[in-house]
C-alpha atoms as a PDB file:
ATOM      1  CA  MET A   1     107.086 159.222  40.315  1.00  0.00           C
ATOM      2  CA  LYS A   2     105.025 155.623  39.767  1.00  0.00           C
ATOM      3  CA  PHE A   3     106.336 154.612  42.917  1.00  0.00           C
ATOM      4  CA  ILE A   4     105.495 157.671  45.067  1.00  0.00           C
ATOM      5  CA  VAL A   5     102.064 157.522  43.877  1.00  0.00           C
ATOM      6  CA  MET A   6     101.679 153.784  45.496  1.00  0.00           C
ATOM      7  CA  LEU A   7     103.063 155.033  48.269  1.00  0.00           C
ATOM      8  CA  LEU A   8     100.936 157.819  49.279  1.00  0.00           C
ATOM      9  CA  SER A   9      98.163 155.002  47.893  1.00  0.00           C
ATOM     10  CA  ILE A  10      98.869 152.749  50.401  1.00  0.00           C
ATOM     11  CA  LEU A  11      99.201 155.287  53.228  1.00  0.00           C
ATOM     12  CA  ILE A  12      96.197 157.315  52.297  1.00  0.00           C
ATOM     13  CA  PHE A  13      93.809 154.084  51.654  1.00  0.00           C
ATOM     14  CA  PRO A  14      93.875 152.527  54.894  1.00  0.00           C
ATOM     15  CA  ALA A  15      92.882 155.818  56.930  1.00  0.00           C
ATOM     16  CA  LEU A  16      90.553 156.529  54.460  1.00  0.00           C
ATOM     17  CA  ALA A  17      88.755 153.193  55.707  1.00  0.00           C
ATOM     18  CA  ALA A  18      90.039 153.396  58.817  1.00  0.00           C
ATOM     19  CA  ASP A  19      87.550 156.252  58.867  1.00  0.00           C
ATOM     20  CA  GLU A  20      84.977 154.612  57.242  1.00  0.00           C
ATOM     21  CA  VAL A  21      84.413 152.245  59.788  1.00  0.00           C
ATOM     22  CA  LEU A  22      84.955 154.506  62.411  1.00  0.00           C
ATOM     23  CA  GLN A  23      81.742 156.419  60.848  1.00  0.00           C
ATOM     24  CA  ARG A  24      79.992 152.796  60.463  1.00  0.00           C
ATOM     25  CA  LEU A  25      80.330 152.362  64.200  1.00  0.00           C
ATOM     26  CA  MET A  26      79.250 155.930  65.720  1.00  0.00           C
ATOM     27  CA  SER A  27      76.030 155.088  62.885  1.00  0.00           C
ATOM     28  CA  ILE A  28      74.596 152.079  65.053  1.00  0.00           C
ATOM     29  CA  THR A  29      76.048 152.714  68.717  1.00  0.00           C
ATOM     30  CA  ASP A  30      75.435 156.515  69.878  1.00  0.00           C
ATOM     31  CA  LYS A  31      77.882 158.173  72.693  1.00  0.00           C
ATOM     32  CA  GLN A  32      75.515 157.212  76.092  1.00  0.00           C
ATOM     33  CA  THR A  33      75.267 153.472  75.298  1.00  0.00           C
ATOM     34  CA  PHE A  34      79.341 153.605  73.878  1.00  0.00           C
ATOM     35  CA  LEU A  35      80.562 154.875  77.507  1.00  0.00           C
ATOM     36  CA  GLN A  36      78.280 151.984  79.459  1.00  0.00           C
ATOM     37  CA  TYR A  37      81.112 149.741  78.617  1.00  0.00           C
ATOM     38  CA  LYS A  38      83.434 149.140  81.136  1.00  0.00           C
ATOM     39  CA  GLU A  39      86.576 147.438  79.045  1.00  0.00           C
ATOM     40  CA  ASN A  40      86.844 146.464  75.639  1.00  0.00           C
ATOM     41  CA  VAL A  41      85.695 142.687  76.208  1.00  0.00           C
ATOM     42  CA  ASP A  42      82.218 144.512  77.162  1.00  0.00           C
ATOM     43  CA  TRP A  43      81.593 145.986  74.019  1.00  0.00           C
ATOM     44  CA  ILE A  44      82.844 142.556  72.082  1.00  0.00           C
ATOM     45  CA  GLU A  45      80.679 140.367  73.944  1.00  0.00           C
ATOM     46  CA  GLN A  46      77.734 143.106  72.584  1.00  0.00           C
ATOM     47  CA  SER A  47      78.755 142.583  69.268  1.00  0.00           C
ATOM     48  CA  PRO A  48      77.414 140.197  66.389  1.00  0.00           C
ATOM     49  CA  LYS A  49      78.514 136.835  65.988  1.00  0.00           C
ATOM     50  CA  VAL A  50      79.744 135.655  62.535  1.00  0.00           C
ATOM     51  CA  THR A  51      80.101 132.330  61.386  1.00  0.00           C
ATOM     52  CA  TYR A  52      81.947 131.342  58.188  1.00  0.00           C
ATOM     53  CA  ILE A  53      83.299 127.877  56.165  1.00  0.00           C
ATOM     54  CA  SER A  54      87.407 127.592  57.193  1.00  0.00           C
ATOM     55  CA  GLN A  55      88.105 124.392  55.808  1.00  0.00           C
ATOM     56  CA  ASP A  56      85.609 121.638  53.354  1.00  0.00           C
ATOM     57  CA  ASN A  57      86.269 117.840  54.913  1.00  0.00           C
ATOM     58  CA  ARG A  58      83.618 116.320  52.907  1.00  0.00           C
ATOM     59  CA  ASP A  59      86.499 114.808  50.688  1.00  0.00           C
ATOM     60  CA  VAL A  60      88.281 113.359  54.008  1.00  0.00           C
ATOM     61  CA  PHE A  61      85.039 112.915  56.654  1.00  0.00           C
ATOM     62  CA  GLY A  62      82.000 112.192  54.218  1.00  0.00           C
ATOM     63  CA  ASN A  63      79.181 114.706  53.603  1.00  0.00           C
ATOM     64  CA  GLY A  64      78.170 117.399  55.767  1.00  0.00           C
ATOM     65  CA  SER A  65      81.606 117.468  57.892  1.00  0.00           C
ATOM     66  CA  PHE A  66      82.641 121.032  56.962  1.00  0.00           C
ATOM     67  CA  THR A  67      85.261 123.550  59.416  1.00  0.00           C
ATOM     68  CA  THR A  68      83.687 126.500  61.196  1.00  0.00           C
ATOM     69  CA  VAL A  69      85.216 129.723  62.826  1.00  0.00           C
ATOM     70  CA  THR A  70      82.600 131.525  65.250  1.00  0.00           C
ATOM     71  CA  GLY A  71      84.376 135.151  66.375  1.00  0.00           C
ATOM     72  CA  TYR A  72      82.819 138.784  66.569  1.00  0.00           C
ATOM     73  CA  ASP A  73      82.193 141.567  64.081  1.00  0.00           C
ATOM     74  CA  CYS A  74      83.462 144.184  65.544  1.00  0.00           C
ATOM     75  CA  ASP A  75      83.600 146.405  62.710  1.00  0.00           C
ATOM     76  CA  ARG A  76      80.254 144.957  61.106  1.00  0.00           C
ATOM     77  CA  ASP A  77      81.697 144.564  57.997  1.00  0.00           C
ATOM     78  CA  GLY A  78      80.327 140.446  57.799  1.00  0.00           C
ATOM     79  CA  LYS A  79      84.239 139.325  58.703  1.00  0.00           C
ATOM     80  CA  VAL A  80      85.474 137.674  62.209  1.00  0.00           C
ATOM     81  CA  ASP A  81      87.913 140.327  63.459  1.00  0.00           C
ATOM     82  CA  ASP A  82      90.651 139.136  65.867  1.00  0.00           C
ATOM     83  CA  PRO A  83      91.097 140.630  69.543  1.00  0.00           C
ATOM     84  CA  PRO A  84      93.281 142.991  68.809  1.00  0.00           C
ATOM     85  CA  LYS A  85      91.385 144.812  65.678  1.00  0.00           C
ATOM     86  CA  CYS A  86      88.215 144.729  68.259  1.00  0.00           C
ATOM     87  CA  ALA A  87      90.476 146.536  70.577  1.00  0.00           C
ATOM     88  CA  ILE A  88      91.838 149.028  68.663  1.00  0.00           C
ATOM     89  CA  LEU A  89      88.543 150.180  67.538  1.00  0.00           C
ATOM     90  CA  PHE A  90      87.389 150.177  70.886  1.00  0.00           C
ATOM     91  CA  GLU A  91      89.757 152.440  71.772  1.00  0.00           C
ATOM     92  CA  LEU A  92      89.003 155.104  68.527  1.00  0.00           C
ATOM     93  CA  LEU A  93      85.683 155.047  69.429  1.00  0.00           C
ATOM     94  CA  GLN A  94      86.015 155.632  73.251  1.00  0.00           C
ATOM     95  CA  LYS A  95      88.752 158.863  72.202  1.00  0.00           C
ATOM     96  CA  HIS A  96      85.615 159.979  69.995  1.00  0.00           C
ATOM     97  CA  TYR A  97      83.133 159.816  71.871  1.00  0.00           C
ATOM     98  CA  GLN A  98      85.234 161.510  75.387  1.00  0.00           C
ATOM     99  CA  LYS A  99      86.301 164.424  72.671  1.00  0.00           C
ATOM    100  CA  HIS A 100      82.569 165.103  71.545  1.00  0.00           C
END
């Protein structure tokens, strides 16, 4: 029984999270603006950029030396998203706006 509950929670929670992300993106971008993007690259480039410290190199290189990563925040959660995730979000929004 516990296994079934765990399995269902693993399957349900990501679906709920994806719906929450889609709702957040739809509240930020209206249909008319979104449909102007011809390719997902155009939409990704309009997403906010996020920078975070990936490695603290002060012990190796001295004070003031950090390794940073800058990327696009396609789902607007404050974290860098990889290109496949951004492409999936673009396709989900595209399907939604084409239906509605």
